[in-house]
Amino acid sequence: MHPQLHPLFIDYCAYFVVGDYFECHEVAEEYWKALHGHKKHPLVAYIQIAAGHYHARRGNDVGAKRLLQNAQTIITASPSAFYDYIPQHTLINLAKREQYSLSLLAPLAARVAARVEELPRLDDDYLLHKHTLRDRSDVIAERLRAKQAKQNNRQ
């Protein structure tokens, strides 16, 4: 299967189209981890584009600019199959926060459009504050376990 036809990548595109940049980041990160990607992997650029758009929406222009510039650096670094269906110049435009349409995703458009129809509709306020509204108790508990394990290993 082409890496851009993976269900997590289709989800990334669908969430981007509906403006749920936080979920874009989440699914791309999950895919990147599954691939055991490195810090300059093309999926990192996709993650940074989503996070950059999310920060920009929340008014963090400095953070958004930094993330989007880093994404451009990764995108231009080398060719990849992750640029087959969404060309590098299109990603650069997204990193510059230029307008886009589903037609930019041409070979993926039908799959992405079908996935978009399946997604729940979320209000703008929820999308704006999504990261603060999610349940992170499992993440916090795991960090505490790791910290305790590290302390136990030192003793």
Protein backbone atom coordinates (compact mmCIF):
# COMPACT_ATOMS: atom_id res chain seq x y z
CA MET A 1 0.00 0.00 0.00
CA HIS A 2 1.22 3.48 -0.81
CA PRO A 3 2.02 5.33 2.45
CA GLN A 4 -0.41 8.12 1.59
CA LEU A 5 -3.26 5.62 1.25
CA HIS A 6 -2.84 4.38 4.82
CA PRO A 7 -6.03 4.97 6.86
CA LEU A 8 -4.20 7.24 9.32
CA PHE A 9 -2.97 9.44 6.49
CA ILE A 10 -6.47 9.62 5.01
CA ASP A 11 -7.69 10.61 8.48
CA TYR A 12 -5.01 13.30 8.64
CA CYS A 13 -6.24 14.79 5.37
CA ALA A 14 -9.90 14.57 6.39
CA TYR A 15 -9.27 16.27 9.72
CA PHE A 16 -7.29 18.97 7.94
CA VAL A 17 -10.16 19.61 5.53
CA VAL A 18 -12.64 20.05 8.39
CA GLY A 19 -10.17 22.22 10.31
CA ASP A 20 -9.54 19.84 13.20
CA TYR A 21 -5.80 20.49 13.23
CA PHE A 22 -5.37 18.98 16.68
CA GLU A 23 -6.62 15.59 15.46
CA CYS A 24 -4.45 15.97 12.34
CA HIS A 25 -1.46 16.18 14.62
CA GLU A 26 -2.61 13.21 16.68
CA VAL A 27 -3.21 10.78 13.80
CA ALA A 28 -0.05 11.82 11.94
CA GLU A 29 1.98 11.33 15.10
CA GLU A 30 0.44 7.89 15.61
CA TYR A 31 1.33 6.96 12.02
CA TRP A 32 4.87 8.37 12.37
CA LYS A 33 5.44 6.37 15.56
CA ALA A 34 4.14 3.21 13.90
CA LEU A 35 6.71 3.74 11.14
CA HIS A 36 9.45 4.40 13.73
CA GLY A 37 10.12 7.65 11.89
CA HIS A 38 13.06 9.91 12.56
CA LYS A 39 12.89 13.64 13.33
CA LYS A 40 13.31 14.64 9.68
CA HIS A 41 10.74 12.15 8.35
CA PRO A 42 8.17 13.75 6.01
CA LEU A 43 5.36 12.93 8.44
CA VAL A 44 7.01 15.30 10.92
CA ALA A 45 6.40 18.09 8.40
CA TYR A 46 2.73 17.10 8.19
CA ILE A 47 2.56 17.07 11.99
CA GLN A 48 4.18 20.50 12.16
CA ILE A 49 1.83 21.92 9.53
CA ALA A 50 -1.19 20.78 11.53
CA ALA A 51 0.27 22.02 14.82
CA GLY A 52 1.26 25.30 13.18
CA HIS A 53 -2.28 25.88 11.94
CA TYR A 54 -3.62 24.99 15.39
CA HIS A 55 -1.27 27.49 17.08
CA ALA A 56 -2.13 30.17 14.55
CA ARG A 57 -5.84 29.67 15.20
CA ARG A 58 -5.20 30.13 18.92
CA GLY A 59 -3.22 33.34 18.35
CA ASN A 60 0.23 31.90 19.02
CA ASP A 61 1.80 33.40 15.91
CA VAL A 62 5.40 32.94 17.10
CA GLY A 63 4.90 29.21 17.74
CA ALA A 64 2.97 28.80 14.51
CA LYS A 65 5.65 30.52 12.46
CA ARG A 66 8.41 28.38 13.99
CA LEU A 67 6.56 25.12 13.34
CA LEU A 68 5.62 26.06 9.80
CA GLN A 69 9.16 27.13 8.94
CA ASN A 70 10.51 23.86 10.34
CA ALA A 71 7.98 21.98 8.21
CA GLN A 72 9.18 23.79 5.09
CA THR A 73 12.77 22.80 5.87
CA ILE A 74 11.82 19.12 6.13
CA ILE A 75 9.66 19.24 3.00
CA THR A 76 12.42 20.67 0.85
CA ALA A 77 15.15 18.41 2.26
CA SER A 78 14.59 15.33 0.11
CA PRO A 79 12.08 13.51 -2.08
CA SER A 80 9.70 11.01 -0.50
CA ALA A 81 6.69 8.89 -1.34
CA PHE A 82 4.85 11.15 1.12
CA TYR A 83 4.97 13.82 -1.59
CA ASP A 84 3.56 11.69 -4.40
CA TYR A 85 -0.11 12.57 -3.99
CA ILE A 86 0.40 15.89 -2.21
CA PRO A 87 3.35 17.53 -3.95
CA GLN A 88 6.01 19.38 -2.03
CA HIS A 89 4.92 22.76 -3.47
CA THR A 90 1.38 22.16 -2.17
CA LEU A 91 2.73 21.39 1.30
CA ILE A 92 4.89 24.50 1.18
CA ASN A 93 1.76 26.51 0.42
CA LEU A 94 -0.01 24.91 3.37
CA ALA A 95 2.99 25.73 5.54
CA LYS A 96 2.68 29.33 4.38
CA ARG A 97 -0.98 29.15 5.43
CA GLU A 98 -2.19 29.82 1.92
CA GLN A 99 -5.67 28.80 0.91
CA TYR A 100 -6.25 25.26 -0.22
CA SER A 101 -9.10 23.16 -1.46
CA LEU A 102 -9.85 19.48 -1.54
CA SER A 103 -8.85 19.50 -5.21
CA LEU A 104 -5.23 19.86 -4.10
CA LEU A 105 -5.52 16.34 -2.78
CA ALA A 106 -6.54 15.09 -6.24
CA PRO A 107 -5.61 11.37 -6.08
CA LEU A 108 -6.77 11.23 -2.46
CA ALA A 109 -9.84 13.44 -2.84
CA ALA A 110 -12.49 10.72 -3.07
CA ARG A 111 -11.13 8.82 -0.06
CA VAL A 112 -10.71 12.00 1.97
CA ALA A 113 -14.17 13.30 1.03
CA ALA A 114 -15.74 9.99 2.09
CA ARG A 115 -13.89 10.13 5.42
CA VAL A 116 -14.91 13.77 5.96
CA GLU A 117 -18.57 12.71 5.69
CA GLU A 118 -18.03 10.19 8.49
CA LEU A 119 -16.50 12.70 10.91
CA PRO A 120 -18.63 14.38 13.58
CA ARG A 121 -19.20 18.09 13.17
CA LEU A 122 -17.50 20.08 15.92
CA ASP A 123 -18.13 23.69 16.83
CA ASP A 124 -15.38 26.27 16.44
CA ASP A 125 -15.00 26.87 20.17
CA TYR A 126 -14.36 23.18 20.79
CA LEU A 127 -11.81 23.08 17.96
CA LEU A 128 -10.09 26.15 19.37
CA HIS A 129 -9.66 24.68 22.84
CA LYS A 130 -9.56 20.97 22.05
CA HIS A 131 -6.19 20.26 23.63
CA THR A 132 -7.33 21.65 26.98
CA LEU A 133 -10.62 19.72 26.97
CA ARG A 134 -9.37 16.18 26.41
CA ASP A 135 -8.92 13.59 29.13
CA ARG A 136 -5.19 13.18 29.69
CA SER A 137 -5.37 11.12 32.88
CA ASP A 138 -3.81 8.09 31.14
CA VAL A 139 -0.90 10.18 29.84
CA ILE A 140 -0.33 11.76 33.25
CA ALA A 141 -0.47 8.35 34.96
CA GLU A 142 2.02 6.89 32.47
CA ARG A 143 4.43 9.80 33.00
CA LEU A 144 4.20 9.30 36.76
CA ARG A 145 4.88 5.55 36.38
CA ALA A 146 7.91 6.28 34.17
CA LYS A 147 9.22 8.85 36.64
CA GLN A 148 8.84 6.43 39.54
CA ALA A 149 10.53 3.63 37.57
CA LYS A 150 13.43 5.95 36.77
CA GLN A 151 13.79 6.90 40.43
CA ASN A 152 13.67 3.21 41.45
CA ASN A 153 16.42 2.40 38.93
CA ARG A 154 18.66 5.08 40.45
CA GLN A 155 18.39 3.57 43.93
